[in-house]
């Protein structure tokens, strides 16, 4: 059997499919299992996954409609089954899955907008369940395909190499960060497409939290983010204005993850790095506003959620529609009024056990 995994959405979503990849390989050890990815970061993670035979990287957004259609048609008929990784509630992903022409086309039937986004093009499907984590939703889809139940679900899988550890060791040594120092990692960014920038806790609050941890707990603060977030992290670094606060810049996600492993606690918005921190088995404080925590809470690691748990939350569900807020008093109150002290106390709950 030849199987193609369509991991066309973000890094975090692709990472949350890795437990399903592990179970798929264990269930079908002789199968050819390939993955089609769109983002470089996903390619970085999947290229290291020993349970995959091939990873195909094609940037549909950059290549445009004509080249993308030609590329997809070249894959037509080459696979017995194809799997749209959850969440993929876009008509483009379902059309790609259909055009690849596998006999079995796996995908989720979404509760919101599934039909108008052509989920009916998938012929092996489950109905979305808002109570499940992304990992559980993907495994449920896999169970339907294999007619097999899974009870012991694996952790997220992002293997690191010795070269990644060497990068981290040099980074820490160059900044004189010793093994006995308290290190807190921050990720102040998140995806910006479809107005998701509104999920971000304000940079001023990350700054205030950093100052509080440095002053009260003698912590070292490491600021993480991709190249498009360097300006954001750089402004926080400038505003903290401390010799105990450092920017982390690297050439790829694996180097970033290797430095992250040194953190005693990792504080993050709902983002890909929050899921990478889960893969690294860190203690995670997730700063969550409009997102359904059931979907995205850190998987198989020790975590705490800082959230106001407003009556209107969660309001973000998987849909191509941009993120909006229906409140008339304070737009995105779930983020705007989440105070520094609440997140600080969540960090302290971890520190008290160290």
Foldseek 3Di string as FASTA:
>chain_A
DEEEEEAEDDLQLLLLCQLVLVVVCVVCVPYAYEYEYEDPQSVLQVVPDPSHDYYHYDNDVVVDDPVVVVVLLVLAPVGQEYEYGPPDQALVSLVSQLNSHHPAYEDEQEPPNSVVSPVVSGDQYYYDDLLAASSVRSVVSVCSVVVDDDDDTDFGDGDADPVLLVLLVVVCVVLVNDLPAAEEEEEQAADPPLNCRLLGFDLVLVLVLVLCCCVPVVYQYEYDDAPVCCVVSVVSCVSNPDSSYYYDDDDGVSSVLSNLLSHQEYEYEQHSVQQSCLNSQHEYEYEGFQDSCNHGPRPPHHYHYQWPPDPCHNPDDDDPHGDFAPDPPDTSCRRHVRHSVSSSVRVVVSVVVD
